């Protein structure tokens, strides 16, 4: 009878260790996924912000962006800020 209790304890201990290892792997995977999603999110945000900034000579709504001056100019010479 003593031997079977030892075997049961040993088996529970091994199952517990295996469960801890599964949880460790699961957390590692989740942290990697979170990291990748965060990096992709930052890359998309950077792209969107870069695409929104006007380029030198870009025309919108009858105005032209001047990178040298840092503001919009009217097509006909009057500046708008």
N, C-alpha and C. Protein backbone atom coordinates (compact mmCIF):
# COMPACT_ATOMS: atom_id res chain seq x y z
N UNK A 1 0.82 -1.18 0.00
CA UNK A 1 0.00 0.00 0.00
C UNK A 1 0.88 1.26 0.00
N UNK A 2 1.95 1.26 0.76
CA UNK A 2 2.86 2.40 0.81
C UNK A 2 3.46 2.69 -0.56
N UNK A 3 3.77 1.66 -1.28
CA UNK A 3 4.37 1.83 -2.60
C UNK A 3 3.41 2.51 -3.58
N UNK A 4 2.14 2.17 -3.54
CA UNK A 4 1.18 2.76 -4.45
C UNK A 4 0.98 4.25 -4.13
N UNK A 5 1.03 4.65 -2.86
CA UNK A 5 0.89 6.06 -2.51
C UNK A 5 2.08 6.85 -3.05
N UNK A 6 3.26 6.28 -2.95
CA UNK A 6 4.44 6.93 -3.49
C UNK A 6 4.33 7.09 -5.00
N UNK A 7 3.87 6.05 -5.64
CA UNK A 7 3.69 6.10 -7.09
C UNK A 7 2.67 7.17 -7.48
N UNK A 8 1.59 7.25 -6.71
CA UNK A 8 0.56 8.26 -6.99
C UNK A 8 1.13 9.67 -6.81
N UNK A 9 1.87 9.89 -5.74
CA UNK A 9 2.49 11.20 -5.51
C UNK A 9 3.47 11.53 -6.62
N UNK A 10 4.24 10.55 -7.02
CA UNK A 10 5.21 10.75 -8.09
C UNK A 10 4.50 11.11 -9.40
N UNK A 11 3.42 10.40 -9.68
CA UNK A 11 2.66 10.66 -10.90
C UNK A 11 2.04 12.06 -10.86
N UNK A 12 1.46 12.45 -9.71
CA UNK A 12 0.88 13.80 -9.58
C UNK A 12 1.96 14.87 -9.75
N UNK A 13 3.12 14.60 -9.18
CA UNK A 13 4.23 15.55 -9.30
C UNK A 13 4.65 15.71 -10.76
N UNK A 14 4.75 14.62 -11.49
CA UNK A 14 5.13 14.68 -12.90
C UNK A 14 4.06 15.40 -13.72
N UNK A 15 2.78 15.14 -13.42
CA UNK A 15 1.70 15.81 -14.13
C UNK A 15 1.73 17.32 -13.85
N UNK A 16 2.03 17.67 -12.60
CA UNK A 16 2.11 19.07 -12.23
C UNK A 16 3.25 19.76 -12.98
N UNK A 17 4.39 19.13 -13.04
CA UNK A 17 5.54 19.69 -13.77
C UNK A 17 5.22 19.86 -15.25
N UNK A 18 4.54 18.86 -15.82
CA UNK A 18 4.17 18.95 -17.24
C UNK A 18 3.19 20.10 -17.47
N UNK A 19 2.24 20.28 -16.54
CA UNK A 19 1.28 21.37 -16.67
C UNK A 19 1.99 22.73 -16.56
N UNK A 20 2.93 22.86 -15.65
CA UNK A 20 3.70 24.09 -15.53
C UNK A 20 4.49 24.39 -16.81
N UNK A 21 5.04 23.36 -17.41
CA UNK A 21 5.79 23.54 -18.66
C UNK A 21 4.86 24.00 -19.80
N UNK A 22 3.65 23.41 -19.86
CA UNK A 22 2.67 23.84 -20.88
C UNK A 22 2.29 25.30 -20.69
N UNK A 23 2.07 25.70 -19.43
CA UNK A 23 1.72 27.10 -19.16
C UNK A 23 2.87 28.04 -19.54
N UNK A 24 4.10 27.62 -19.27
CA UNK A 24 5.27 28.42 -19.61
C UNK A 24 5.36 28.62 -21.12
N UNK A 25 5.15 27.55 -21.88
CA UNK A 25 5.20 27.63 -23.34
C UNK A 25 4.07 28.52 -23.87
N UNK A 26 2.89 28.39 -23.24
CA UNK A 26 1.75 29.19 -23.68
C UNK A 26 2.03 30.67 -23.44
N UNK A 27 2.59 31.02 -22.29
CA UNK A 27 2.92 32.42 -22.00
C UNK A 27 3.99 32.94 -22.95
N UNK A 28 4.97 32.13 -23.26
CA UNK A 28 6.03 32.53 -24.18
C UNK A 28 5.43 32.83 -25.56
N UNK A 29 4.54 31.96 -26.02
CA UNK A 29 3.90 32.15 -27.32
C UNK A 29 3.06 33.44 -27.31
N UNK A 30 2.29 33.65 -26.23
CA UNK A 30 1.46 34.84 -26.14
C UNK A 30 2.30 36.12 -26.13
N UNK A 31 3.42 36.09 -25.44
CA UNK A 31 4.27 37.28 -25.41
C UNK A 31 4.88 37.55 -26.78
N UNK A 32 5.23 36.52 -27.50
CA UNK A 32 5.77 36.71 -28.85
C UNK A 32 4.72 37.27 -29.80
N UNK A 33 3.50 36.76 -29.70
CA UNK A 33 2.41 37.26 -30.54
C UNK A 33 2.14 38.72 -30.21
N UNK A 34 2.13 39.05 -28.92
CA UNK A 34 1.90 40.43 -28.52
C UNK A 34 2.99 41.35 -29.07
N UNK A 35 4.23 40.90 -29.01
CA UNK A 35 5.34 41.69 -29.53
C UNK A 35 5.19 41.93 -31.03
N UNK A 36 4.86 40.89 -31.78
CA UNK A 36 4.72 41.01 -33.23
C UNK A 36 3.56 41.95 -33.57
N UNK A 37 2.45 41.83 -32.86
CA UNK A 37 1.30 42.70 -33.12
C UNK A 37 1.66 44.15 -32.81
N UNK A 38 2.40 44.37 -31.71
CA UNK A 38 2.80 45.74 -31.36
C UNK A 38 3.73 46.33 -32.42
N UNK A 39 4.69 45.55 -32.89
CA UNK A 39 5.61 46.05 -33.92
C UNK A 39 4.86 46.36 -35.21
N UNK A 40 3.96 45.48 -35.60
CA UNK A 40 3.18 45.73 -36.82
C UNK A 40 2.30 46.97 -36.65
N UNK A 41 1.71 47.14 -35.47
CA UNK A 41 0.89 48.32 -35.21
C UNK A 41 1.70 49.60 -35.31
N UNK A 42 2.90 49.59 -34.74
CA UNK A 42 3.77 50.77 -34.83
C UNK A 42 4.19 51.04 -36.27
N UNK A 43 4.45 49.99 -37.03
CA UNK A 43 4.83 50.16 -38.43
C UNK A 43 3.68 50.77 -39.23
N UNK A 44 2.48 50.29 -39.01
CA UNK A 44 1.32 50.83 -39.72
C UNK A 44 1.09 52.29 -39.32
N UNK A 45 1.20 52.58 -38.02
CA UNK A 45 1.00 53.96 -37.56
C UNK A 45 2.05 54.89 -38.18
N UNK A 46 3.29 54.44 -38.24
CA UNK A 46 4.34 55.24 -38.85
C UNK A 46 4.07 55.49 -40.32
N UNK A 47 3.62 54.46 -41.01
CA UNK A 47 3.32 54.61 -42.44
C UNK A 47 2.17 55.60 -42.65
N UNK A 48 1.14 55.47 -41.84
CA UNK A 48 -0.02 56.37 -41.98
C UNK A 48 0.40 57.81 -41.71
N UNK A 49 1.18 58.01 -40.64
CA UNK A 49 1.63 59.37 -40.34
C UNK A 49 2.52 59.94 -41.43
N UNK A 50 3.39 59.11 -41.98
CA UNK A 50 4.28 59.57 -43.05
C UNK A 50 3.48 59.87 -44.31
N UNK A 51 2.47 59.10 -44.59
CA UNK A 51 1.67 59.31 -45.79
C UNK A 51 0.80 60.56 -45.68
N UNK A 52 0.44 60.94 -44.44
CA UNK A 52 -0.41 62.12 -44.25
C UNK A 52 0.36 63.41 -44.41
N UNK A 53 1.65 63.39 -44.14
CA UNK A 53 2.45 64.61 -44.21
C UNK A 53 2.61 65.01 -45.68
N UNK A 54 2.32 66.27 -45.97
CA UNK A 54 2.42 66.70 -47.38
C UNK A 54 3.87 66.71 -47.87
N UNK A 55 4.04 66.43 -49.12
CA UNK A 55 5.36 66.46 -49.77
C UNK A 55 5.56 67.83 -50.41
N UNK A 56 6.80 68.22 -50.58
CA UNK A 56 7.11 69.52 -51.19
C UNK A 56 6.49 69.59 -52.59
N UNK A 57 5.74 70.62 -52.82
CA UNK A 57 5.11 70.81 -54.13
C UNK A 57 3.77 70.11 -54.27
N UNK A 58 3.34 69.40 -53.24
CA UNK A 58 2.06 68.69 -53.31
C UNK A 58 0.92 69.70 -53.35
N UNK A 59 -0.09 69.38 -54.14
CA UNK A 59 -1.22 70.29 -54.31
C UNK A 59 -2.46 69.65 -53.71
N UNK A 60 -3.17 70.45 -52.88
CA UNK A 60 -4.45 70.03 -52.30
C UNK A 60 -5.37 71.23 -52.24
N UNK A 61 -6.56 71.06 -52.68
CA UNK A 61 -7.59 72.10 -52.59
C UNK A 61 -7.11 73.45 -53.12
N UNK A 62 -6.38 73.44 -54.20
CA UNK A 62 -5.92 74.68 -54.81
C UNK A 62 -4.75 75.33 -54.08
N UNK A 63 -4.15 74.61 -53.13
CA UNK A 63 -3.00 75.15 -52.42
C UNK A 63 -1.81 74.24 -52.67
N UNK A 64 -0.60 74.79 -52.53
CA UNK A 64 0.64 74.04 -52.75
C UNK A 64 1.46 74.08 -51.46
N UNK A 65 1.95 72.91 -51.03
CA UNK A 65 2.75 72.80 -49.82
C UNK A 65 4.20 73.20 -50.11
N UNK A 66 4.73 74.06 -49.25
CA UNK A 66 6.12 74.48 -49.35
C UNK A 66 6.88 73.92 -48.16
N UNK A 67 7.74 72.91 -48.40
CA UNK A 67 8.51 72.32 -47.31
C UNK A 67 9.53 73.33 -46.77
N UNK A 68 10.04 74.19 -47.63
CA UNK A 68 11.02 75.19 -47.20
C UNK A 68 10.40 76.17 -46.20
N UNK A 69 9.14 76.51 -46.39
CA UNK A 69 8.47 77.46 -45.51
C UNK A 69 7.65 76.77 -44.43
N UNK A 70 7.29 75.52 -44.64
CA UNK A 70 6.52 74.77 -43.64
C UNK A 70 5.05 75.13 -43.58
N UNK A 71 4.50 75.62 -44.69
CA UNK A 71 3.07 75.91 -44.72
C UNK A 71 2.57 75.88 -46.17
N UNK A 72 1.26 76.00 -46.30
CA UNK A 72 0.62 75.96 -47.61
C UNK A 72 0.65 77.34 -48.25
N UNK A 73 0.81 77.37 -49.55
CA UNK A 73 0.73 78.61 -50.34
C UNK A 73 -0.44 78.48 -51.29
N UNK A 74 -1.09 79.61 -51.48
CA UNK A 74 -2.14 79.67 -52.49
C UNK A 74 -1.47 79.52 -53.85
N UNK A 75 -2.14 78.94 -54.79
CA UNK A 75 -1.55 78.76 -56.12
C UNK A 75 -1.10 80.07 -56.72
N UNK A 76 -1.75 81.14 -56.32
CA UNK A 76 -1.49 82.43 -56.96
C UNK A 76 -0.62 83.34 -56.09
N UNK A 77 0.07 82.79 -55.09
CA UNK A 77 1.03 83.59 -54.36
C UNK A 77 0.67 83.93 -52.92
N UNK A 78 -0.59 83.96 -52.55
CA UNK A 78 -0.94 84.29 -51.17
C UNK A 78 -0.74 83.04 -50.30
N UNK A 79 -0.13 83.22 -49.12
CA UNK A 79 0.13 82.05 -48.27
C UNK A 79 -1.02 81.82 -47.29
N UNK A 80 -1.24 80.58 -46.95
CA UNK A 80 -2.24 80.23 -45.94
C UNK A 80 -1.59 79.31 -44.93
N UNK A 81 -1.88 79.50 -43.68
CA UNK A 81 -1.26 78.66 -42.63
C UNK A 81 -2.25 77.77 -41.97
